[in-house]
C-alpha atoms as a PDB file:
ATOM      1  CA  MET A   1       0.000   0.000   0.000  1.00  0.00           C
ATOM      2  CA  GLU A   2       2.760   2.450   0.897  1.00  0.00           C
ATOM      3  CA  LYS A   3       4.614   1.988  -2.415  1.00  0.00           C
ATOM      4  CA  SER A   4       1.486   2.619  -4.491  1.00  0.00           C
ATOM      5  CA  LEU A   5       0.789   5.801  -2.536  1.00  0.00           C
ATOM      6  CA  GLN A   6       4.383   6.958  -3.020  1.00  0.00           C
ATOM      7  CA  SER A   7       4.255   6.331  -6.768  1.00  0.00           C
ATOM      8  CA  ALA A   8       1.030   8.332  -6.998  1.00  0.00           C
ATOM      9  CA  ILE A   9       2.591  11.459  -5.524  1.00  0.00           C
ATOM     10  CA  ASP A  10       6.035  11.244  -7.148  1.00  0.00           C
ATOM     11  CA  PHE A  11       6.975  14.141  -9.362  1.00  0.00           C
ATOM     12  CA  PRO A  12       8.721  13.606 -12.703  1.00  0.00           C
ATOM     13  CA  LYS A  13      12.476  13.235 -12.408  1.00  0.00           C
ATOM     14  CA  SER A  14      13.233  15.661 -15.228  1.00  0.00           C
ATOM     15  CA  GLU A  15      11.562  17.857 -17.808  1.00  0.00           C
ATOM     16  CA  ARG A  16      11.881  15.073 -20.370  1.00  0.00           C
ATOM     17  CA  ASP A  17       9.387  12.998 -18.383  1.00  0.00           C
ATOM     18  CA  VAL A  18       6.694  15.667 -18.761  1.00  0.00           C
ATOM     19  CA  PRO A  19       4.942  15.807 -22.130  1.00  0.00           C
ATOM     20  CA  GLN A  20       5.007  19.309 -23.531  1.00  0.00           C
ATOM     21  CA  ILE A  21       2.523  20.580 -26.055  1.00  0.00           C
ATOM     22  CA  THR A  22       3.300  23.770 -27.945  1.00  0.00           C
ATOM     23  CA  LEU A  23       1.522  25.233 -30.899  1.00  0.00           C
ATOM     24  CA  PRO A  24       3.825  26.022 -33.818  1.00  0.00           C
ATOM     25  CA  ASP A  25       2.735  29.658 -34.201  1.00  0.00           C
ATOM     26  CA  TRP A  26       2.210  30.482 -30.506  1.00  0.00           C
ATOM     27  CA  GLU A  27       4.245  33.292 -28.959  1.00  0.00           C
ATOM     28  CA  PRO A  28       3.875  34.378 -25.338  1.00  0.00           C
ATOM     29  CA  HIS A  29       2.660  37.872 -24.503  1.00  0.00           C
ATOM     30  CA  ILE A  30       5.100  39.463 -22.074  1.00  0.00           C
ATOM     31  CA  LEU A  31       4.473  42.595 -20.021  1.00  0.00           C
ATOM     32  CA  VAL A  32       7.526  44.460 -18.704  1.00  0.00           C
ATOM     33  CA  PHE A  33       7.374  46.899 -15.803  1.00  0.00           C
ATOM     34  CA  ALA A  34      10.594  48.901 -16.184  1.00  0.00           C
ATOM     35  CA  CYS A  35      12.179  51.450 -13.867  1.00  0.00           C
ATOM     36  CA  HIS A  36      12.523  54.846 -15.583  1.00  0.00           C
ATOM     37  CA  PHE A  37      16.179  55.415 -14.756  1.00  0.00           C
ATOM     38  CA  CYS A  38      17.524  51.860 -15.103  1.00  0.00           C
ATOM     39  CA  ALA A  39      15.718  49.276 -17.200  1.00  0.00           C
ATOM     40  CA  PHE A  40      13.715  51.681 -19.324  1.00  0.00           C
ATOM     41  CA  ALA A  41      16.882  53.607 -20.130  1.00  0.00           C
ATOM     42  CA  ALA A  42      18.400  50.358 -21.404  1.00  0.00           C
ATOM     43  CA  ALA A  43      15.324  49.636 -23.519  1.00  0.00           C
ATOM     44  CA  ASP A  44      15.445  53.177 -24.874  1.00  0.00           C
ATOM     45  CA  LEU A  45      19.127  52.762 -25.736  1.00  0.00           C
ATOM     46  CA  ALA A  46      18.288  49.538 -27.592  1.00  0.00           C
ATOM     47  CA  GLY A  47      15.784  51.528 -29.632  1.00  0.00           C
ATOM     48  CA  VAL A  48      18.348  54.212 -30.401  1.00  0.00           C
ATOM     49  CA  MET A  49      20.743  51.481 -31.577  1.00  0.00           C
ATOM     50  CA  ARG A  50      17.968  50.147 -33.853  1.00  0.00           C
ATOM     51  CA  LEU A  51      17.863  46.796 -32.070  1.00  0.00           C
ATOM     52  CA  SER A  52      14.534  45.068 -32.390  1.00  0.00           C
ATOM     53  CA  TYR A  53      12.595  42.878 -30.010  1.00  0.00           C
ATOM     54  CA  SER A  54       9.478  40.848 -30.432  1.00  0.00           C
ATOM     55  CA  PRO A  55       6.259  42.846 -30.890  1.00  0.00           C
ATOM     56  CA  ASN A  56       4.534  40.708 -28.270  1.00  0.00           C
ATOM     57  CA  VAL A  57       6.625  42.374 -25.524  1.00  0.00           C
ATOM     58  CA  ARG A  58       5.035  45.494 -24.028  1.00  0.00           C
ATOM     59  CA  ILE A  59       7.031  47.845 -21.805  1.00  0.00           C
ATOM     60  CA  ILE A  60       5.432  50.034 -19.161  1.00  0.00           C
ATOM     61  CA  ARG A  61       7.661  52.746 -17.694  1.00  0.00           C
ATOM     62  CA  LEU A  62       7.446  53.281 -13.929  1.00  0.00           C
ATOM     63  CA  PRO A  63       9.135  55.889 -11.740  1.00  0.00           C
ATOM     64  CA  CYS A  64      10.566  53.032  -9.644  1.00  0.00           C
ATOM     65  CA  SER A  65      10.009  49.310 -10.101  1.00  0.00           C
ATOM     66  CA  GLY A  66      10.518  48.757  -6.378  1.00  0.00           C
ATOM     67  CA  LYS A  67       7.197  50.420  -5.646  1.00  0.00           C
ATOM     68  CA  ILE A  68       5.078  48.279  -7.970  1.00  0.00           C
ATOM     69  CA  ASP A  69       2.017  46.887  -6.269  1.00  0.00           C
ATOM     70  CA  HIS A  70       1.491  43.145  -6.574  1.00  0.00           C
ATOM     71  CA  ILE A  71      -2.093  43.714  -7.727  1.00  0.00           C
ATOM     72  CA  TYR A  72      -0.813  45.012 -11.085  1.00  0.00           C
ATOM     73  CA  VAL A  73       1.124  41.805 -11.676  1.00  0.00           C
ATOM     74  CA  LEU A  74      -1.892  39.668 -10.761  1.00  0.00           C
ATOM     75  CA  ARG A  75      -4.210  41.804 -12.873  1.00  0.00           C
ATOM     76  CA  ALA A  76      -1.925  41.348 -15.882  1.00  0.00           C
ATOM     77  CA  PHE A  77      -2.250  37.573 -15.577  1.00  0.00           C
ATOM     78  CA  GLU A  78      -6.028  37.906 -15.204  1.00  0.00           C
ATOM     79  CA  ARG A  79      -6.141  39.833 -18.481  1.00  0.00           C
ATOM     80  CA  GLY A  80      -4.303  37.135 -20.403  1.00  0.00           C
ATOM     81  CA  VAL A  81      -0.632  38.057 -20.226  1.00  0.00           C
ATOM     82  CA  ASP A  82       1.587  34.966 -20.321  1.00  0.00           C
ATOM     83  CA  GLY A  83       4.542  36.458 -18.442  1.00  0.00           C
ATOM     84  CA  VAL A  84       5.431  39.499 -16.367  1.00  0.00           C
ATOM     85  CA  PHE A  85       8.957  40.874 -16.020  1.00  0.00           C
ATOM     86  CA  VAL A  86       9.709  43.493 -13.375  1.00  0.00           C
ATOM     87  CA  ALA A  87      13.038  45.164 -14.167  1.00  0.00           C
ATOM     88  CA  GLY A  88      14.769  47.753 -12.069  1.00  0.00           C
END
C-alpha cells in the first residue's frame, strides 16, 4: 500500500518525463514593468541602436520598479498576459 501511494505522488524526475505541447505559431505575450532610470533607459538605448525585439513584448515605464504593487502583476495575468517581467 505504501509503495502505491508513493508512486502516486512522485513528481517527474526531469523535464523530459513531462509531455510538452506547444503550438507552432504560438508566442507568449510578455508585459515588462521597467524602472525609468535603469531598465527603461536600457530599452530606450536599444531603440536608439535600432535593435529590435518581439512585438509581443510590451514595456510600461514606472518611476521606480521597487514600488510596484502586486495587484498590477496579478491583474496582468487575469487579463491574459503569459509572463510578467519586473526590471529595475
